[in-house]
């Protein structure tokens, strides 16, 4: 084993997609229970845009490489690693940093073997998006077979995963999306709601008894309005704040609105209505429950291998076009954007 040279996408100042740049990087030998992975594919997440805009973490006085999820080949292992050998293909959940690179160093507990026959593009879509969706559906707000759920942004990365997995579990699913995404929802069995029109009235009419769960990655007013759509015992799961950005850039009025209509006000409304309100943040939930992460990703990889699920891939771009990938995510693509990494 030896330190290797490679490259990484770095951010050293907050701003738009233009602040992303490729830079040489060195990747040390793994220590203790770590593995070093040659990256094949890296996922692009909405959270990466928040990092770039300085809304999550900070790039002041330092350099950040974004990227939550990768799939690649193990090229070195630490002395305390067991069960993972050099040459194994693994799916890795990073600590929210480091994925846009030719190599990633990870603790073994967040590196899960990828089964034979599963391609790296589909597999990387599971690591963040599908694990997030699966944990919200099964661990945070489980809904029994035949129940009903509303998914906001049902054509997005996490939203499309939520919709697909909810349908797989025998739930009735309604989802908000732009009119151009309507067919992508109906083709998968989701009842579409136009997010640019009166989605609230459509949701209420479509499920007069109320939803068992609503999954909100938008935040602000969307969450407040959704609370009223819950049925008795229903739960609103707040897991994101895409309203904080407009066309991929921070939106100060929306940030103020989100703060004013945020968790505290939402909790008061939920209490008054006798409904549940919970939050899910993968950056804290996954590290707190590493065994759950491994268990859930293994199950999702099994479903993918058996063709029970088929992640929606918006596009695959080379690592050098990470800035373009951010532009497309900001514009609102259907499914997961993936970076293909040529490490040789």
Protein backbone atom coordinates (compact mmCIF):
# COMPACT_ATOMS: atom_id res chain seq x y z
CA UNK A 1 0.00 0.00 0.00
CA UNK A 2 1.08 3.55 -0.61
CA UNK A 3 -0.29 7.08 -0.83
CA UNK A 4 -1.77 7.69 -4.28
CA UNK A 5 -2.24 10.74 -6.44
CA UNK A 6 -5.55 11.60 -8.04
CA UNK A 7 -7.92 14.50 -8.44
CA UNK A 8 -10.96 15.95 -6.74
CA UNK A 9 -13.60 18.58 -7.30
CA UNK A 10 -13.01 21.30 -4.72
CA UNK A 11 -14.83 24.33 -3.36
CA UNK A 12 -12.77 27.00 -1.61
CA UNK A 13 -15.35 29.79 -1.60
CA UNK A 14 -19.14 29.80 -1.49
CA UNK A 15 -21.08 30.70 -4.62
CA UNK A 16 -22.63 29.31 -7.76
CA UNK A 17 -21.62 26.27 -9.81
CA UNK A 18 -18.63 28.19 -11.17
CA UNK A 19 -16.81 27.82 -7.82
CA UNK A 20 -16.45 24.08 -8.44
CA UNK A 21 -13.05 23.23 -9.87
CA UNK A 22 -10.85 20.19 -10.43
CA UNK A 23 -7.61 20.08 -8.41
CA UNK A 24 -4.83 17.53 -7.86
CA UNK A 25 -5.26 15.55 -4.65
CA UNK A 26 -3.37 12.97 -2.63
CA UNK A 27 -5.08 10.12 -0.85
CA UNK A 28 -3.30 8.50 2.09
CA UNK A 29 -3.12 4.87 3.10
CA UNK A 30 -6.14 3.73 5.09
CA UNK A 31 -5.65 3.19 8.80
CA UNK A 32 -7.47 1.16 11.45
CA UNK A 33 -10.85 0.03 10.00
CA UNK A 34 -10.67 2.24 6.89
CA UNK A 35 -10.77 1.27 3.23
CA UNK A 36 -9.57 3.28 0.24
CA UNK A 37 -11.83 3.09 -2.78
CA UNK A 38 -11.19 3.87 -6.45
CA UNK A 39 -14.35 5.74 -7.36
CA UNK A 40 -16.40 4.59 -10.35
CA UNK A 41 -19.52 6.67 -9.79
CA UNK A 42 -20.42 9.52 -7.44
CA UNK A 43 -23.91 10.78 -6.74
CA UNK A 44 -24.91 14.43 -6.94
CA UNK A 45 -27.32 15.50 -4.17
CA UNK A 46 -29.29 18.62 -3.40
CA UNK A 47 -27.29 18.78 -0.18
CA UNK A 48 -24.16 19.36 -2.27
CA UNK A 49 -25.71 22.58 -3.53
CA UNK A 50 -26.39 23.67 0.05
CA UNK A 51 -22.72 23.06 0.89
CA UNK A 52 -21.63 25.08 -2.13
CA UNK A 53 -23.90 27.95 -1.12
CA UNK A 54 -22.57 27.95 2.44
CA UNK A 55 -25.92 26.89 3.92
CA UNK A 56 -24.59 23.59 5.27
CA UNK A 57 -21.15 23.49 6.83
CA UNK A 58 -18.61 26.06 5.74
CA UNK A 59 -15.90 26.50 3.12
CA UNK A 60 -14.38 29.54 4.74
CA UNK A 61 -10.68 29.17 5.38
CA UNK A 62 -10.58 25.71 3.86
CA UNK A 63 -11.26 23.47 0.92
CA UNK A 64 -14.27 21.18 0.63
CA UNK A 65 -14.92 18.31 -1.78
CA UNK A 66 -18.67 17.59 -1.90
CA UNK A 67 -20.27 14.21 -2.37
CA UNK A 68 -22.28 11.89 -0.10
CA UNK A 69 -22.36 8.65 -2.07
CA UNK A 70 -19.98 6.64 -4.24
CA UNK A 71 -19.48 3.18 -5.71
CA UNK A 72 -16.03 1.87 -6.52
CA UNK A 73 -13.32 -0.73 -6.13
CA UNK A 74 -11.35 -1.20 -2.91
CA UNK A 75 -7.64 -0.69 -3.61
CA UNK A 76 -6.28 -0.67 -0.03
CA UNK A 77 -7.50 -1.71 3.42
CA UNK A 78 -6.50 -0.78 6.96
CA UNK A 79 -5.05 -3.32 9.39
CA UNK A 80 -8.32 -3.78 11.31
CA UNK A 81 -10.56 -4.37 8.27
CA UNK A 82 -12.23 -7.76 8.00
CA UNK A 83 -14.67 -9.10 5.42
CA UNK A 84 -13.70 -6.65 2.67
CA UNK A 85 -10.82 -7.48 0.38
CA UNK A 86 -8.86 -5.49 -2.15
CA UNK A 87 -10.68 -5.67 -5.48
CA UNK A 88 -14.16 -5.79 -3.95
CA UNK A 89 -16.80 -3.42 -5.34
CA UNK A 90 -18.45 -1.43 -2.56
CA UNK A 91 -21.08 1.26 -2.11
CA UNK A 92 -19.96 3.95 0.33
CA UNK A 93 -21.83 6.61 2.29
CA UNK A 94 -19.39 9.42 3.07
CA UNK A 95 -19.78 11.89 5.91
CA UNK A 96 -21.21 14.35 3.39
CA UNK A 97 -17.81 15.21 1.95
CA UNK A 98 -15.31 13.71 -0.46
CA UNK A 99 -17.38 11.88 -3.06
CA UNK A 100 -16.46 13.99 -6.10
CA UNK A 101 -13.00 12.49 -6.38
CA UNK A 102 -10.98 9.68 -7.89
CA UNK A 103 -10.50 8.07 -4.47
CA UNK A 104 -12.40 8.02 -1.17
CA UNK A 105 -11.28 6.97 2.30
CA UNK A 106 -14.08 5.47 4.40
CA UNK A 107 -14.67 3.57 7.60
CA UNK A 108 -15.54 -0.05 6.84
CA UNK A 109 -18.90 0.29 8.59
CA UNK A 110 -20.14 2.62 5.84
CA UNK A 111 -18.82 0.50 2.94
CA UNK A 112 -21.26 -2.20 1.76
CA UNK A 113 -20.38 -4.86 -0.83
CA UNK A 114 -22.24 -4.53 -4.15
CA UNK A 115 -23.68 -7.84 -5.46
CA UNK A 116 -22.64 -9.36 -8.77
CA UNK A 117 -24.56 -8.04 -11.75
CA UNK A 118 -25.47 -4.69 -10.18
CA UNK A 119 -24.10 -1.75 -12.16
CA UNK A 120 -22.39 1.13 -10.37
CA UNK A 121 -24.72 3.83 -11.76
CA UNK A 122 -27.87 2.23 -10.34
CA UNK A 123 -26.11 1.18 -7.14
CA UNK A 124 -24.91 4.69 -6.30
CA UNK A 125 -28.50 5.95 -6.46
CA UNK A 126 -29.34 3.73 -3.48
CA UNK A 127 -26.66 4.92 -1.06
CA UNK A 128 -28.17 8.29 -0.16
CA UNK A 129 -31.50 8.66 -1.95
CA UNK A 130 -32.98 5.21 -1.44
CA UNK A 131 -31.58 4.68 2.05
CA UNK A 132 -33.09 8.04 3.03
CA UNK A 133 -36.45 7.06 1.54
CA UNK A 134 -36.39 3.54 2.99
CA UNK A 135 -35.53 4.70 6.49
CA UNK A 136 -38.27 7.30 6.49
CA UNK A 137 -40.79 4.71 5.26
CA UNK A 138 -39.75 1.89 7.57
CA UNK A 139 -38.07 3.40 10.63
CA UNK A 140 -39.33 6.97 11.01
CA UNK A 141 -42.98 6.89 9.87
CA UNK A 142 -43.97 3.32 8.94
CA UNK A 143 -47.31 2.98 7.18
CA UNK A 144 -49.15 -0.32 6.91
CA UNK A 145 -50.12 -2.01 3.63
CA UNK A 146 -52.97 -0.15 1.95
CA UNK A 147 -52.17 3.15 3.61
CA UNK A 148 -51.82 6.44 1.76
CA UNK A 149 -48.89 8.84 1.49
CA UNK A 150 -48.14 12.17 -0.16
CA UNK A 151 -44.64 12.75 -1.54
CA UNK A 152 -43.55 16.29 -2.37
CA UNK A 153 -41.11 16.51 -5.28
CA UNK A 154 -42.00 12.97 -6.33
CA UNK A 155 -39.88 13.13 -9.51
CA UNK A 156 -36.69 14.20 -7.74
CA UNK A 157 -33.89 12.03 -6.42
CA UNK A 158 -35.29 11.19 -2.98
CA UNK A 159 -38.88 11.83 -4.02
CA UNK A 160 -38.83 9.27 -6.84
CA UNK A 161 -37.23 6.75 -4.44
CA UNK A 162 -39.95 7.41 -1.86
CA UNK A 163 -42.68 6.95 -4.43
CA UNK A 164 -41.24 3.71 -5.82
CA UNK A 165 -40.59 2.15 -2.42
CA UNK A 166 -44.00 3.20 -1.09
CA UNK A 167 -45.69 1.55 -4.06
CA UNK A 168 -43.56 -1.56 -3.51
CA UNK A 169 -44.88 -1.69 0.06
CA UNK A 170 -48.48 -1.60 -1.17
CA UNK A 171 -49.28 2.04 -0.41
CA UNK A 172 -51.45 4.50 -2.30
CA UNK A 173 -49.14 7.31 -3.44
CA UNK A 174 -49.88 10.86 -4.52
CA UNK A 175 -47.00 13.10 -5.51
CA UNK A 176 -46.37 16.73 -6.38
CA UNK A 177 -44.23 17.61 -9.39
CA UNK A 178 -44.08 20.08 -12.25
CA UNK A 179 -46.52 19.48 -15.13
CA UNK A 180 -43.68 18.28 -17.38
CA UNK A 181 -43.05 15.37 -14.97
CA UNK A 182 -46.68 14.17 -14.89
CA UNK A 183 -46.15 11.19 -17.19
CA UNK A 184 -43.10 10.06 -15.22
CA UNK A 185 -45.30 9.81 -12.14
CA UNK A 186 -48.31 8.16 -13.77
CA UNK A 187 -46.09 5.61 -15.53
CA UNK A 188 -44.91 4.46 -12.11
CA UNK A 189 -48.36 4.34 -10.56
CA UNK A 190 -48.24 7.66 -8.69
CA UNK A 191 -51.25 9.99 -8.73
CA UNK A 192 -49.73 13.32 -9.88
CA UNK A 193 -50.44 16.74 -8.40
CA UNK A 194 -49.34 19.90 -10.18
CA UNK A 195 -47.05 21.72 -7.76
CA UNK A 196 -47.44 24.93 -9.76
CA UNK A 197 -51.23 24.93 -9.27
CA UNK A 198 -53.53 24.14 -6.31
CA UNK A 199 -51.93 20.84 -5.32
CA UNK A 200 -53.42 21.12 -1.84
CA UNK A 201 -57.02 20.98 -3.12
CA UNK A 202 -56.19 18.03 -5.36
CA UNK A 203 -54.57 16.15 -2.49
CA UNK A 204 -57.51 16.77 -0.17
CA UNK A 205 -60.02 15.67 -2.79
CA UNK A 206 -58.01 12.59 -3.70
CA UNK A 207 -57.65 11.40 -0.09
CA UNK A 208 -60.65 12.77 1.85
CA UNK A 209 -59.79 10.67 4.93
CA UNK A 210 -56.34 12.22 5.11
CA UNK A 211 -52.87 10.80 4.51
CA UNK A 212 -51.11 8.42 6.85
CA UNK A 213 -47.84 10.21 6.09
CA UNK A 214 -46.60 13.20 4.11
CA UNK A 215 -42.93 13.42 3.12
CA UNK A 216 -41.73 17.00 2.68
CA UNK A 217 -38.32 17.87 1.25
CA UNK A 218 -39.39 21.41 0.36
CA UNK A 219 -40.01 23.06 3.71
CA UNK A 220 -41.61 26.38 4.63
CA UNK A 221 -45.24 26.84 3.66
CA UNK A 222 -45.42 23.45 1.95
CA UNK A 223 -44.96 21.66 5.26
CA UNK A 224 -47.47 23.85 7.10
CA UNK A 225 -50.12 23.25 4.43
CA UNK A 226 -49.40 19.53 4.43
CA UNK A 227 -50.13 19.14 8.15
CA UNK A 228 -53.81 19.80 7.50
CA UNK A 229 -53.88 16.94 4.96
CA UNK A 230 -52.93 14.31 7.54
CA UNK A 231 -55.52 11.85 8.77
CA UNK A 232 -55.89 10.79 12.43
CA UNK A 233 -52.54 9.50 13.65
CA UNK A 234 -50.83 10.73 10.50
CA UNK A 235 -47.25 12.01 10.43
CA UNK A 236 -45.48 14.75 8.51
CA UNK A 237 -41.83 13.86 7.87
CA UNK A 238 -39.71 16.94 7.16
CA UNK A 239 -36.41 15.96 5.57
CA UNK A 240 -35.24 18.88 3.44
CA UNK A 241 -35.55 22.53 2.52
CA UNK A 242 -35.28 22.85 -1.24
CA UNK A 243 -37.24 26.10 -0.98
CA UNK A 244 -34.07 27.67 0.47
CA UNK A 245 -32.66 27.81 -3.06
CA UNK A 246 -34.09 29.40 -6.18
CA UNK A 247 -32.52 28.24 -9.47
CA UNK A 248 -29.70 26.74 -7.44
CA UNK A 249 -28.78 29.92 -5.51
CA UNK A 250 -29.63 30.91 -1.95
CA UNK A 251 -32.96 32.73 -1.72
CA UNK A 252 -33.00 35.09 1.26
CA UNK A 253 -36.81 35.71 1.30
CA UNK A 254 -37.42 31.96 1.22
CA UNK A 255 -34.89 31.42 3.99
CA UNK A 256 -36.73 33.98 6.13
CA UNK A 257 -40.07 32.35 5.31
CA UNK A 258 -38.74 28.91 6.14
CA UNK A 259 -37.46 30.16 9.48
CA UNK A 260 -40.76 31.88 10.26
CA UNK A 261 -42.78 28.81 9.26
CA UNK A 262 -40.26 26.26 10.42
CA UNK A 263 -40.22 23.45 12.98
CA UNK A 264 -41.44 25.48 15.96
CA UNK A 265 -44.49 26.87 14.17
CA UNK A 266 -45.07 23.51 12.51
CA UNK A 267 -44.95 21.76 15.87
CA UNK A 268 -47.57 24.15 17.26
CA UNK A 269 -49.86 23.45 14.31
CA UNK A 270 -49.30 19.69 14.62
CA UNK A 271 -50.10 19.81 18.35
CA UNK A 272 -53.29 21.76 17.70
CA UNK A 273 -54.39 19.27 15.01
CA UNK A 274 -53.38 16.21 16.98
CA UNK A 275 -50.97 15.11 14.24
CA UNK A 276 -47.34 13.99 14.29
CA UNK A 277 -44.33 15.98 13.07
CA UNK A 278 -40.88 14.42 12.83
CA UNK A 279 -37.65 15.39 11.13
CA UNK A 280 -35.17 13.21 9.32
CA UNK A 281 -31.59 14.27 8.61
CA UNK A 282 -29.45 11.55 7.03
CA UNK A 283 -26.25 13.31 8.11
CA UNK A 284 -27.12 12.64 11.76
CA UNK A 285 -29.42 9.60 11.51
CA UNK A 286 -27.01 7.39 9.54
CA UNK A 287 -23.92 7.94 11.75
CA UNK A 288 -26.09 7.37 14.84
CA UNK A 289 -27.30 4.02 13.48
CA UNK A 290 -24.55 2.50 11.31
CA UNK A 291 -25.98 -1.02 11.68
CA UNK A 292 -29.33 0.17 10.34
CA UNK A 293 -27.58 1.82 7.42
CA UNK A 294 -25.80 -1.41 6.48
CA UNK A 295 -28.94 -3.50 6.95
CA UNK A 296 -31.05 -1.14 4.85
CA UNK A 297 -28.53 -0.76 2.03
CA UNK A 298 -28.01 -4.53 1.85
CA UNK A 299 -31.79 -4.98 1.50
CA UNK A 300 -32.03 -2.28 -1.18
CA UNK A 301 -29.14 -3.79 -3.14
CA UNK A 302 -30.95 -7.15 -2.95
CA UNK A 303 -34.10 -5.54 -4.35
CA UNK A 304 -32.07 -3.90 -7.12
CA UNK A 305 -30.32 -7.15 -7.99
CA UNK A 306 -33.71 -8.86 -8.24
CA UNK A 307 -35.14 -6.05 -10.44
CA UNK A 308 -37.77 -5.22 -7.81
CA UNK A 309 -36.69 -1.57 -7.98
CA UNK A 310 -35.25 0.51 -10.81
CA UNK A 311 -33.76 3.87 -9.75
CA UNK A 312 -34.61 6.76 -12.04
CA UNK A 313 -31.32 8.09 -13.45
CA UNK A 314 -31.58 11.61 -14.82
CA UNK A 315 -28.15 11.66 -16.48
CA UNK A 316 -24.56 10.51 -16.16
CA UNK A 317 -21.82 13.13 -16.57
CA UNK A 318 -18.02 12.99 -16.29
CA UNK A 319 -16.43 14.27 -13.08
CA UNK A 320 -15.06 17.29 -14.95
CA UNK A 321 -18.65 18.46 -15.52
CA UNK A 322 -19.60 18.62 -11.85
CA UNK A 323 -20.59 22.28 -12.28
CA UNK A 324 -22.99 21.30 -15.09
CA UNK A 325 -24.42 18.59 -12.84
CA UNK A 326 -25.15 21.22 -10.17
CA UNK A 327 -26.87 23.42 -12.75
CA UNK A 328 -29.09 20.54 -13.81
CA UNK A 329 -30.00 19.55 -10.25
CA UNK A 330 -30.89 23.17 -9.53
CA UNK A 331 -33.12 23.24 -12.60
CA UNK A 332 -35.03 20.21 -11.36
CA UNK A 333 -34.27 16.91 -13.06
CA UNK A 334 -36.20 13.65 -12.81
CA UNK A 335 -34.23 11.19 -10.73
CA UNK A 336 -30.57 10.96 -9.77
CA UNK A 337 -27.67 12.80 -11.40
CA UNK A 338 -24.49 10.70 -11.39
CA UNK A 339 -20.86 11.58 -12.02
CA UNK A 340 -18.76 8.98 -13.83
CA UNK A 341 -15.18 9.01 -12.55
CA UNK A 342 -12.28 7.97 -14.77
CA UNK A 343 -9.61 7.26 -12.17
CA UNK A 344 -7.11 5.72 -14.61
